[in-house]
Amino acid sequence: MPATLRRRAGGFSLIELIVVMVIVGLLAGMIALFIVNPVRGYLDSSRRAVLVDIANTALMRMARDVRLALPNSVRVRQNGGVFYLEFLLLDGGGRYREQIGAAGDDPLDFATRGVSTDTRFDLLGPPISMAAGAEIVIYNLALDADTDAYQGGNRRAYTGTLGTVSRIDFAAAPGGAPFPMESPARRFHVVRSPVTYACNPATGELRRYAGYGIGAAQPADQASPPLSTAGNNNLLASKVSRCRFAYVPGASETLGQLTLWLELTDEGESVSLYREVVVSNEP
């Protein structure tokens, strides 16, 4: 066999190699056209799923808390583009004894006028658990200073022993004033701390604040007390691009309606979730 034929049988020429590379490149480009869009769609769907999970978890947490709010204590405020939702979280409750049924019973005395020195009452029903910092609220209507737990007219600090109790001891109001109004159902509630949800699209955060004192004015500044010094400050959701809270209280002793709306955005993908929460305002 001639030498030239032996050399050509040993490999590819440069032209052949270039042709193969061009063909492989064309095939890779065609395959990429079929792969890129599905991959991009998968990544977009994954981002949306994560955003939906974050928003849904946040809204469920808020709804669960609000359902445990003291009747007529939900209030909403907007300040500087930030929405604030505050309420008094229930820590327990029961029914108080209204009159003596047997020797040793201790009913709660409501003085129609003047001063009542009563600072104790028995429970009707099973014992309840009392913790440090608990306060007693009776017939919260949020109509005026006497019926608004935030202002303190119908709220008294618990002073009894901690743990499971069947008798409630509470601090006397200034001047010994009694609770202003009786509850038609003989019901009392126990609260400890307000809870505030602050939704700030500028920082992209939804935060939950707790562990601060009860005040007449609703906190509406995350950088100032009591929110800036709250005992608990937890990030509930990030990547918040827009939000809105709205509350329609209805009449006292009926149902209120809280509307929660969150929009989350990540790398061009956005999701919006909307939830309505029915709030029991029966005091």
C-alpha atoms as a PDB file:
ATOM      1  CA  MET A   1       0.000   0.000   0.000  1.00  0.00           C
ATOM      2  CA  PRO A   2       1.386   3.431  -0.894  1.00  0.00           C
ATOM      3  CA  ALA A   3       2.662   5.635   2.020  1.00  0.00           C
ATOM      4  CA  THR A   4       0.119   8.357   1.315  1.00  0.00           C
ATOM      5  CA  LEU A   5      -2.768   5.979   1.727  1.00  0.00           C
ATOM      6  CA  ARG A   6      -1.333   4.628   4.977  1.00  0.00           C
ATOM      7  CA  ARG A   7      -1.048   8.173   6.413  1.00  0.00           C
ATOM      8  CA  ARG A   8      -4.652   9.077   5.513  1.00  0.00           C
ATOM      9  CA  ALA A   9      -6.028   5.896   7.032  1.00  0.00           C
ATOM     10  CA  GLY A  10      -4.524   6.856  10.429  1.00  0.00           C
ATOM     11  CA  GLY A  11      -6.868   9.836  11.343  1.00  0.00           C
ATOM     12  CA  PHE A  12      -9.083  12.754  10.284  1.00  0.00           C
ATOM     13  CA  SER A  13      -8.200  15.716   8.241  1.00  0.00           C
ATOM     14  CA  LEU A  14      -8.602  19.249   9.630  1.00  0.00           C
ATOM     15  CA  ILE A  15     -11.553  19.915   7.354  1.00  0.00           C
ATOM     16  CA  GLU A  16     -13.322  16.784   8.550  1.00  0.00           C
ATOM     17  CA  LEU A  17     -12.765  17.796  12.195  1.00  0.00           C
ATOM     18  CA  ILE A  18     -14.163  21.266  11.562  1.00  0.00           C
ATOM     19  CA  VAL A  19     -17.237  19.837   9.848  1.00  0.00           C
ATOM     20  CA  VAL A  20     -17.875  17.532  12.801  1.00  0.00           C
ATOM     21  CA  MET A  21     -17.513  20.401  15.284  1.00  0.00           C
ATOM     22  CA  VAL A  22     -19.962  22.539  13.316  1.00  0.00           C
ATOM     23  CA  ILE A  23     -22.501  19.728  13.191  1.00  0.00           C
ATOM     24  CA  VAL A  24     -22.130  19.034  16.926  1.00  0.00           C
ATOM     25  CA  GLY A  25     -22.536  22.757  17.653  1.00  0.00           C
ATOM     26  CA  LEU A  26     -25.710  22.922  15.586  1.00  0.00           C
ATOM     27  CA  LEU A  27     -27.129  19.877  17.320  1.00  0.00           C
ATOM     28  CA  ALA A  28     -26.245  21.309  20.776  1.00  0.00           C
ATOM     29  CA  GLY A  29     -27.938  24.599  19.906  1.00  0.00           C
ATOM     30  CA  MET A  30     -31.081  22.826  18.733  1.00  0.00           C
ATOM     31  CA  ILE A  31     -31.179  20.705  21.886  1.00  0.00           C
ATOM     32  CA  ALA A  32     -30.671  23.797  24.054  1.00  0.00           C
ATOM     33  CA  LEU A  33     -33.734  25.424  22.509  1.00  0.00           C
ATOM     34  CA  PHE A  34     -35.835  22.521  23.761  1.00  0.00           C
ATOM     35  CA  ILE A  35     -34.204  22.398  27.222  1.00  0.00           C
ATOM     36  CA  VAL A  36     -33.803  26.061  28.284  1.00  0.00           C
ATOM     37  CA  ASN A  37     -37.482  26.982  28.356  1.00  0.00           C
ATOM     38  CA  PRO A  38     -38.581  23.941  30.400  1.00  0.00           C
ATOM     39  CA  VAL A  39     -35.713  24.484  32.846  1.00  0.00           C
ATOM     40  CA  ARG A  40     -36.545  28.173  33.129  1.00  0.00           C
ATOM     41  CA  GLY A  41     -40.203  27.294  33.642  1.00  0.00           C
ATOM     42  CA  TYR A  42     -39.285  24.810  36.362  1.00  0.00           C
ATOM     43  CA  LEU A  43     -37.155  27.379  38.200  1.00  0.00           C
ATOM     44  CA  ASP A  44     -39.906  30.009  37.933  1.00  0.00           C
ATOM     45  CA  SER A  45     -42.472  27.541  39.262  1.00  0.00           C
ATOM     46  CA  SER A  46     -40.171  26.630  42.142  1.00  0.00           C
ATOM     47  CA  ARG A  47     -39.755  30.306  43.085  1.00  0.00           C
ATOM     48  CA  ARG A  48     -43.512  30.848  42.954  1.00  0.00           C
ATOM     49  CA  ALA A  49     -44.107  27.771  45.108  1.00  0.00           C
ATOM     50  CA  VAL A  50     -41.650  29.052  47.725  1.00  0.00           C
ATOM     51  CA  LEU A  51     -43.303  32.484  47.726  1.00  0.00           C
ATOM     52  CA  VAL A  52     -46.765  30.952  48.070  1.00  0.00           C
ATOM     53  CA  ASP A  53     -45.579  28.830  50.989  1.00  0.00           C
ATOM     54  CA  ILE A  54     -44.045  31.842  52.765  1.00  0.00           C
ATOM     55  CA  ALA A  55     -47.140  34.007  52.283  1.00  0.00           C
ATOM     56  CA  ASN A  56     -49.607  31.257  53.166  1.00  0.00           C
ATOM     57  CA  THR A  57     -47.713  30.335  56.337  1.00  0.00           C
ATOM     58  CA  ALA A  58     -47.623  33.983  57.406  1.00  0.00           C
ATOM     59  CA  LEU A  59     -51.339  34.504  56.779  1.00  0.00           C
ATOM     60  CA  MET A  60     -52.259  31.301  58.625  1.00  0.00           C
ATOM     61  CA  ARG A  61     -50.185  32.400  61.637  1.00  0.00           C
ATOM     62  CA  MET A  62     -51.850  35.803  61.658  1.00  0.00           C
ATOM     63  CA  ALA A  63     -55.326  34.288  61.321  1.00  0.00           C
ATOM     64  CA  ARG A  64     -54.661  31.846  64.161  1.00  0.00           C
ATOM     65  CA  ASP A  65     -53.504  34.667  66.451  1.00  0.00           C
ATOM     66  CA  VAL A  66     -56.424  36.939  65.580  1.00  0.00           C
ATOM     67  CA  ARG A  67     -58.932  34.186  66.370  1.00  0.00           C
ATOM     68  CA  LEU A  68     -57.471  34.205  69.895  1.00  0.00           C
ATOM     69  CA  ALA A  69     -57.763  37.985  70.279  1.00  0.00           C
ATOM     70  CA  LEU A  70     -59.653  39.633  73.115  1.00  0.00           C
ATOM     71  CA  PRO A  71     -63.074  40.681  71.771  1.00  0.00           C
ATOM     72  CA  ASN A  72     -63.075  44.257  70.450  1.00  0.00           C
ATOM     73  CA  SER A  73     -59.290  44.611  70.760  1.00  0.00           C
ATOM     74  CA  VAL A  74     -58.302  44.356  67.074  1.00  0.00           C
ATOM     75  CA  ARG A  75     -57.114  47.633  65.588  1.00  0.00           C
ATOM     76  CA  VAL A  76     -55.356  48.543  62.320  1.00  0.00           C
ATOM     77  CA  ARG A  77     -53.272  51.576  61.421  1.00  0.00           C
ATOM     78  CA  GLN A  78     -51.127  52.707  58.492  1.00  0.00           C
ATOM     79  CA  ASN A  79     -48.117  54.947  59.014  1.00  0.00           C
ATOM     80  CA  GLY A  80     -45.537  55.877  56.380  1.00  0.00           C
ATOM     81  CA  GLY A  81     -46.442  53.026  54.055  1.00  0.00           C
ATOM     82  CA  VAL A  82     -46.272  50.458  56.867  1.00  0.00           C
ATOM     83  CA  PHE A  83     -49.423  48.615  57.956  1.00  0.00           C
ATOM     84  CA  TYR A  84     -49.798  47.799  61.658  1.00  0.00           C
ATOM     85  CA  LEU A  85     -52.210  45.272  63.148  1.00  0.00           C
ATOM     86  CA  GLU A  86     -52.519  45.087  66.944  1.00  0.00           C
ATOM     87  CA  PHE A  87     -54.680  43.053  69.326  1.00  0.00           C
ATOM     88  CA  LEU A  88     -54.625  41.670  72.872  1.00  0.00           C
ATOM     89  CA  LEU A  89     -53.875  37.952  72.787  1.00  0.00           C
ATOM     90  CA  LEU A  90     -56.011  35.873  75.134  1.00  0.00           C
ATOM     91  CA  ASP A  91     -54.190  33.815  77.742  1.00  0.00           C
ATOM     92  CA  GLY A  92     -57.294  32.202  79.225  1.00  0.00           C
ATOM     93  CA  GLY A  93     -60.673  33.041  80.669  1.00  0.00           C
ATOM     94  CA  GLY A  94     -63.782  31.699  82.334  1.00  0.00           C
ATOM     95  CA  ARG A  95     -66.882  32.740  84.252  1.00  0.00           C
ATOM     96  CA  TYR A  96     -66.926  34.570  87.560  1.00  0.00           C
ATOM     97  CA  ARG A  97     -69.261  33.818  90.448  1.00  0.00           C
ATOM     98  CA  GLU A  98     -72.011  36.410  90.675  1.00  0.00           C
ATOM     99  CA  GLN A  99     -73.632  35.467  93.980  1.00  0.00           C
ATOM    100  CA  ILE A 100     -73.129  33.265  96.993  1.00  0.00           C
ATOM    101  CA  GLY A 101     -74.389  29.729  96.518  1.00  0.00           C
ATOM    102  CA  ALA A 102     -72.838  28.102  99.564  1.00  0.00           C
ATOM    103  CA  ALA A 103     -70.796  29.053 102.607  1.00  0.00           C
ATOM    104  CA  GLY A 104     -67.329  30.228 101.617  1.00  0.00           C
ATOM    105  CA  ASP A 105     -68.263  31.315  98.096  1.00  0.00           C
ATOM    106  CA  ASP A 106     -66.673  34.589  96.987  1.00  0.00           C
ATOM    107  CA  PRO A 107     -68.652  36.394  94.262  1.00  0.00           C
ATOM    108  CA  LEU A 108     -67.440  39.437  92.333  1.00  0.00           C
ATOM    109  CA  ASP A 109     -68.984  42.639  93.667  1.00  0.00           C
ATOM    110  CA  PHE A 110     -70.002  45.341  91.200  1.00  0.00           C
ATOM    111  CA  ALA A 111     -70.893  48.553  93.023  1.00  0.00           C
ATOM    112  CA  THR A 112     -73.536  50.494  91.148  1.00  0.00           C
ATOM    113  CA  ARG A 113     -72.122  53.740  92.465  1.00  0.00           C
ATOM    114  CA  GLY A 114     -69.244  54.699  94.695  1.00  0.00           C
ATOM    115  CA  VAL A 115     -66.359  52.455  95.686  1.00  0.00           C
ATOM    116  CA  SER A 116     -65.996  48.689  95.826  1.00  0.00           C
ATOM    117  CA  THR A 117     -63.107  47.160  97.758  1.00  0.00           C
ATOM    118  CA  ASP A 118     -63.615  43.712  96.209  1.00  0.00           C
ATOM    119  CA  THR A 119     -60.394  42.336  94.728  1.00  0.00           C
ATOM    120  CA  ARG A 120     -61.233  38.631  94.538  1.00  0.00           C
ATOM    121  CA  PHE A 121     -63.773  36.273  93.034  1.00  0.00           C
ATOM    122  CA  ASP A 122     -64.333  32.538  92.616  1.00  0.00           C
ATOM    123  CA  LEU A 123     -64.560  30.795  89.276  1.00  0.00           C
ATOM    124  CA  LEU A 124     -67.630  29.062  88.005  1.00  0.00           C
ATOM    125  CA  GLY A 125     -66.365  25.964  86.274  1.00  0.00           C
ATOM    126  CA  PRO A 126     -62.982  24.249  86.174  1.00  0.00           C
ATOM    127  CA  PRO A 127     -59.760  25.888  87.438  1.00  0.00           C
ATOM    128  CA  ILE A 128     -57.585  27.779  84.984  1.00  0.00           C
ATOM    129  CA  SER A 129     -53.852  28.336  84.678  1.00  0.00           C
ATOM    130  CA  MET A 130     -52.483  31.783  85.529  1.00  0.00           C
ATOM    131  CA  ALA A 131     -49.039  33.043  84.525  1.00  0.00           C
ATOM    132  CA  ALA A 132     -46.888  35.989  85.525  1.00  0.00           C
ATOM    133  CA  GLY A 133     -48.006  39.306  84.064  1.00  0.00           C
ATOM    134  CA  ALA A 134     -51.614  38.204  83.573  1.00  0.00           C
ATOM    135  CA  GLU A 135     -54.389  40.805  83.639  1.00  0.00           C
ATOM    136  CA  ILE A 136     -58.139  40.390  84.065  1.00  0.00           C
ATOM    137  CA  VAL A 137     -60.551  42.038  81.621  1.00  0.00           C
ATOM    138  CA  ILE A 138     -64.332  42.103  81.982  1.00  0.00           C
ATOM    139  CA  TYR A 139     -66.802  43.121  79.273  1.00  0.00           C
ATOM    140  CA  ASN A 140     -64.508  44.741  76.733  1.00  0.00           C
ATOM    141  CA  LEU A 141     -66.608  46.866  74.387  1.00  0.00           C
ATOM    142  CA  ALA A 142     -63.915  49.409  73.421  1.00  0.00           C
ATOM    143  CA  LEU A 143     -66.458  52.228  73.513  1.00  0.00           C
ATOM    144  CA  ASP A 144     -64.842  54.554  76.062  1.00  0.00           C
ATOM    145  CA  ALA A 145     -62.235  54.669  78.826  1.00  0.00           C
ATOM    146  CA  ASP A 146     -64.375  52.471  81.084  1.00  0.00           C
ATOM    147  CA  THR A 147     -64.904  49.710  78.532  1.00  0.00           C
ATOM    148  CA  ASP A 148     -61.583  49.697  76.668  1.00  0.00           C
ATOM    149  CA  ALA A 149     -58.890  47.305  77.882  1.00  0.00           C
ATOM    150  CA  TYR A 150     -56.182  49.366  76.196  1.00  0.00           C
ATOM    151  CA  GLN A 151     -57.119  52.369  78.347  1.00  0.00           C
ATOM    152  CA  GLY A 152     -57.426  50.174  81.431  1.00  0.00           C
ATOM    153  CA  GLY A 153     -60.850  51.013  82.815  1.00  0.00           C
ATOM    154  CA  ASN A 154     -62.006  47.376  82.723  1.00  0.00           C
ATOM    155  CA  ARG A 155     -58.578  45.783  83.216  1.00  0.00           C
ATOM    156  CA  ARG A 156     -56.948  44.716  86.499  1.00  0.00           C
ATOM    157  CA  ALA A 157     -53.548  43.136  87.199  1.00  0.00           C
ATOM    158  CA  TYR A 158     -53.651  39.580  88.536  1.00  0.00           C
ATOM    159  CA  THR A 159     -52.038  39.315  91.993  1.00  0.00           C
ATOM    160  CA  GLY A 160     -52.796  35.721  92.984  1.00  0.00           C
ATOM    161  CA  THR A 161     -50.619  32.643  92.999  1.00  0.00           C
ATOM    162  CA  LEU A 162     -49.267  31.331  89.720  1.00  0.00           C
ATOM    163  CA  GLY A 163     -50.344  28.003  88.300  1.00  0.00           C
ATOM    164  CA  THR A 164     -53.764  26.362  88.374  1.00  0.00           C
ATOM    165  CA  VAL A 165     -56.273  28.337  90.442  1.00  0.00           C
ATOM    166  CA  SER A 166     -59.998  28.392  91.157  1.00  0.00           C
ATOM    167  CA  ARG A 167     -60.005  31.874  92.737  1.00  0.00           C
ATOM    168  CA  ILE A 168     -58.856  35.097  91.070  1.00  0.00           C
ATOM    169  CA  ASP A 169     -57.105  37.839  93.063  1.00  0.00           C
ATOM    170  CA  PHE A 170     -56.532  41.182  91.351  1.00  0.00           C
ATOM    171  CA  ALA A 171     -55.184  44.620  92.150  1.00  0.00           C
ATOM    172  CA  ALA A 172     -57.594  47.359  93.104  1.00  0.00           C
ATOM    173  CA  ALA A 173     -58.054  50.255  90.715  1.00  0.00           C
ATOM    174  CA  PRO A 174     -57.000  53.742  91.849  1.00  0.00           C
ATOM    175  CA  GLY A 175     -59.501  54.885  94.433  1.00  0.00           C
ATOM    176  CA  GLY A 176     -60.922  51.391  94.742  1.00  0.00           C
ATOM    177  CA  ALA A 177     -63.226  51.765  91.738  1.00  0.00           C
ATOM    178  CA  PRO A 178     -65.027  48.522  90.788  1.00  0.00           C
ATOM    179  CA  PHE A 179     -65.170  47.033  87.325  1.00  0.00           C
ATOM    180  CA  PRO A 180     -67.385  49.477  85.372  1.00  0.00           C
ATOM    181  CA  MET A 181     -69.784  46.983  83.778  1.00  0.00           C
ATOM    182  CA  GLU A 182     -70.956  43.456  84.428  1.00  0.00           C
ATOM    183  CA  SER A 183     -70.748  40.854  81.723  1.00  0.00           C
ATOM    184  CA  PRO A 184     -74.204  39.505  80.785  1.00  0.00           C
ATOM    185  CA  ALA A 185     -72.624  36.042  80.466  1.00  0.00           C
ATOM    186  CA  ARG A 186     -70.559  36.500  83.683  1.00  0.00           C
ATOM    187  CA  ARG A 187     -67.465  36.092  81.538  1.00  0.00           C
ATOM    188  CA  PHE A 188     -63.927  37.332  82.177  1.00  0.00           C
ATOM    189  CA  HIS A 189     -60.841  37.155  79.986  1.00  0.00           C
ATOM    190  CA  VAL A 190     -57.144  36.883  80.779  1.00  0.00           C
ATOM    191  CA  VAL A 191     -54.554  38.766  78.713  1.00  0.00           C
ATOM    192  CA  ARG A 192     -50.829  39.348  79.130  1.00  0.00           C
ATOM    193  CA  SER A 193     -49.338  41.203  76.200  1.00  0.00           C
ATOM    194  CA  PRO A 194     -50.438  42.885  73.013  1.00  0.00           C
ATOM    195  CA  VAL A 195     -49.313  41.498  69.668  1.00  0.00           C
ATOM    196  CA  THR A 196     -48.424  43.702  66.699  1.00  0.00           C
ATOM    197  CA  TYR A 197     -47.873  42.641  63.095  1.00  0.00           C
ATOM    198  CA  ALA A 198     -45.972  45.223  61.064  1.00  0.00           C
ATOM    199  CA  CYS A 199     -45.816  44.864  57.268  1.00  0.00           C
ATOM    200  CA  ASN A 200     -43.137  47.057  55.699  1.00  0.00           C
ATOM    201  CA  PRO A 201     -42.761  46.795  51.892  1.00  0.00           C
ATOM    202  CA  ALA A 202     -39.761  49.171  52.009  1.00  0.00           C
ATOM    203  CA  THR A 203     -37.728  46.576  53.921  1.00  0.00           C
ATOM    204  CA  GLY A 204     -39.623  43.637  52.395  1.00  0.00           C
ATOM    205  CA  GLU A 205     -40.512  42.268  55.836  1.00  0.00           C
ATOM    206  CA  LEU A 206     -43.538  41.185  57.830  1.00  0.00           C
ATOM    207  CA  ARG A 207     -42.665  41.102  61.545  1.00  0.00           C
ATOM    208  CA  ARG A 208     -44.472  39.980  64.704  1.00  0.00           C
ATOM    209  CA  TYR A 209     -43.905  41.908  67.942  1.00  0.00           C
ATOM    210  CA  ALA A 210     -44.964  40.767  71.430  1.00  0.00           C
ATOM    211  CA  GLY A 211     -43.787  41.101  75.012  1.00  0.00           C
ATOM    212  CA  TYR A 212     -44.437  44.836  75.461  1.00  0.00           C
ATOM    213  CA  GLY A 213     -46.811  46.758  77.699  1.00  0.00           C
ATOM    214  CA  ILE A 214     -50.445  47.568  76.997  1.00  0.00           C
ATOM    215  CA  GLY A 215     -50.974  51.203  76.003  1.00  0.00           C
ATOM    216  CA  ALA A 216     -53.916  53.371  75.009  1.00  0.00           C
ATOM    217  CA  ALA A 217     -52.280  54.485  71.743  1.00  0.00           C
ATOM    218  CA  GLN A 218     -51.575  51.928  69.036  1.00  0.00           C
ATOM    219  CA  PRO A 219     -47.827  51.591  68.302  1.00  0.00           C
ATOM    220  CA  ALA A 220     -47.046  52.636  64.735  1.00  0.00           C
ATOM    221  CA  ASP A 221     -43.265  53.026  64.552  1.00  0.00           C
ATOM    222  CA  GLN A 222     -40.957  50.018  64.367  1.00  0.00           C
ATOM    223  CA  ALA A 223     -37.926  52.125  65.272  1.00  0.00           C
ATOM    224  CA  SER A 224     -39.408  53.512  68.498  1.00  0.00           C
ATOM    225  CA  PRO A 225     -40.659  52.022  71.794  1.00  0.00           C
ATOM    226  CA  PRO A 226     -42.581  49.938  72.545  1.00  0.00           C
ATOM    227  CA  LEU A 227     -41.936  48.001  69.305  1.00  0.00           C
ATOM    228  CA  SER A 228     -38.201  48.661  69.217  1.00  0.00           C
ATOM    229  CA  THR A 229     -37.878  47.320  72.770  1.00  0.00           C
ATOM    230  CA  ALA A 230     -40.445  44.500  72.548  1.00  0.00           C
ATOM    231  CA  GLY A 231     -39.421  41.248  74.194  1.00  0.00           C
ATOM    232  CA  ASN A 232     -40.213  39.266  71.044  1.00  0.00           C
ATOM    233  CA  ASN A 233     -39.427  40.528  67.549  1.00  0.00           C
ATOM    234  CA  ASN A 234     -39.755  37.789  64.929  1.00  0.00           C
ATOM    235  CA  LEU A 235     -39.490  37.873  61.144  1.00  0.00           C
ATOM    236  CA  LEU A 236     -42.575  36.181  59.742  1.00  0.00           C
ATOM    237  CA  ALA A 237     -42.074  36.744  56.012  1.00  0.00           C
ATOM    238  CA  SER A 238     -39.494  38.311  53.715  1.00  0.00           C
ATOM    239  CA  LYS A 239     -39.591  39.472  50.074  1.00  0.00           C
ATOM    240  CA  VAL A 240     -42.802  41.428  50.740  1.00  0.00           C
ATOM    241  CA  SER A 241     -43.400  43.884  47.901  1.00  0.00           C
ATOM    242  CA  ARG A 242     -46.894  45.100  48.864  1.00  0.00           C
ATOM    243  CA  CYS A 243     -49.429  44.468  51.617  1.00  0.00           C
ATOM    244  CA  ARG A 244     -52.630  45.759  53.151  1.00  0.00           C
ATOM    245  CA  PHE A 245     -54.587  45.210  56.387  1.00  0.00           C
ATOM    246  CA  ALA A 246     -58.209  46.353  56.763  1.00  0.00           C
ATOM    247  CA  TYR A 247     -60.635  45.806  59.630  1.00  0.00           C
ATOM    248  CA  VAL A 248     -64.387  46.288  59.866  1.00  0.00           C
ATOM    249  CA  PRO A 249     -65.351  45.835  63.543  1.00  0.00           C
ATOM    250  CA  GLY A 250     -69.107  45.738  63.161  1.00  0.00           C
ATOM    251  CA  ALA A 251     -71.259  46.482  66.182  1.00  0.00           C
ATOM    252  CA  SER A 252     -70.266  45.323  69.650  1.00  0.00           C
ATOM    253  CA  GLU A 253     -71.074  41.705  70.486  1.00  0.00           C
ATOM    254  CA  THR A 254     -71.111  40.734  66.790  1.00  0.00           C
ATOM    255  CA  LEU A 255     -68.569  39.509  64.279  1.00  0.00           C
ATOM    256  CA  GLY A 256     -65.852  41.704  62.819  1.00  0.00           C
ATOM    257  CA  GLN A 257     -63.989  41.082  59.585  1.00  0.00           C
ATOM    258  CA  LEU A 258     -60.248  41.407  59.113  1.00  0.00           C
ATOM    259  CA  THR A 259     -58.829  41.450  55.576  1.00  0.00           C
ATOM    260  CA  LEU A 260     -55.188  40.496  55.039  1.00  0.00           C
ATOM    261  CA  TRP A 261     -53.366  40.839  51.705  1.00  0.00           C
ATOM    262  CA  LEU A 262     -49.726  40.037  50.963  1.00  0.00           C
ATOM    263  CA  GLU A 263     -47.725  40.257  47.750  1.00  0.00           C
ATOM    264  CA  LEU A 264     -44.273  38.648  47.628  1.00  0.00           C
ATOM    265  CA  THR A 265     -41.753  39.100  44.813  1.00  0.00           C
ATOM    266  CA  ASP A 266     -38.514  37.267  44.008  1.00  0.00           C
ATOM    267  CA  GLU A 267     -36.460  37.662  40.790  1.00  0.00           C
ATOM    268  CA  GLY A 268     -39.401  38.937  38.783  1.00  0.00           C
ATOM    269  CA  GLU A 269     -41.856  36.329  40.067  1.00  0.00           C
ATOM    270  CA  SER A 270     -44.752  37.638  42.200  1.00  0.00           C
ATOM    271  CA  VAL A 271     -47.590  35.992  44.104  1.00  0.00           C
ATOM    272  CA  SER A 272     -50.523  37.621  45.892  1.00  0.00           C
ATOM    273  CA  LEU A 273     -52.523  35.940  48.662  1.00  0.00           C
ATOM    274  CA  TYR A 274     -55.716  37.273  50.214  1.00  0.00           C
ATOM    275  CA  ARG A 275     -57.426  36.084  53.354  1.00  0.00           C
ATOM    276  CA  GLU A 276     -60.464  37.165  55.346  1.00  0.00           C
ATOM    277  CA  VAL A 277     -60.643  36.378  59.058  1.00  0.00           C
ATOM    278  CA  VAL A 278     -63.877  36.443  61.042  1.00  0.00           C
ATOM    279  CA  VAL A 279     -63.273  38.000  64.449  1.00  0.00           C
ATOM    280  CA  SER A 280     -65.532  37.163  67.388  1.00  0.00           C
ATOM    281  CA  ASN A 281     -66.387  40.332  69.309  1.00  0.00           C
ATOM    282  CA  GLU A 282     -68.715  38.808  71.889  1.00  0.00           C
ATOM    283  CA  PRO A 283     -67.329  40.084  75.196  1.00  0.00           C
END
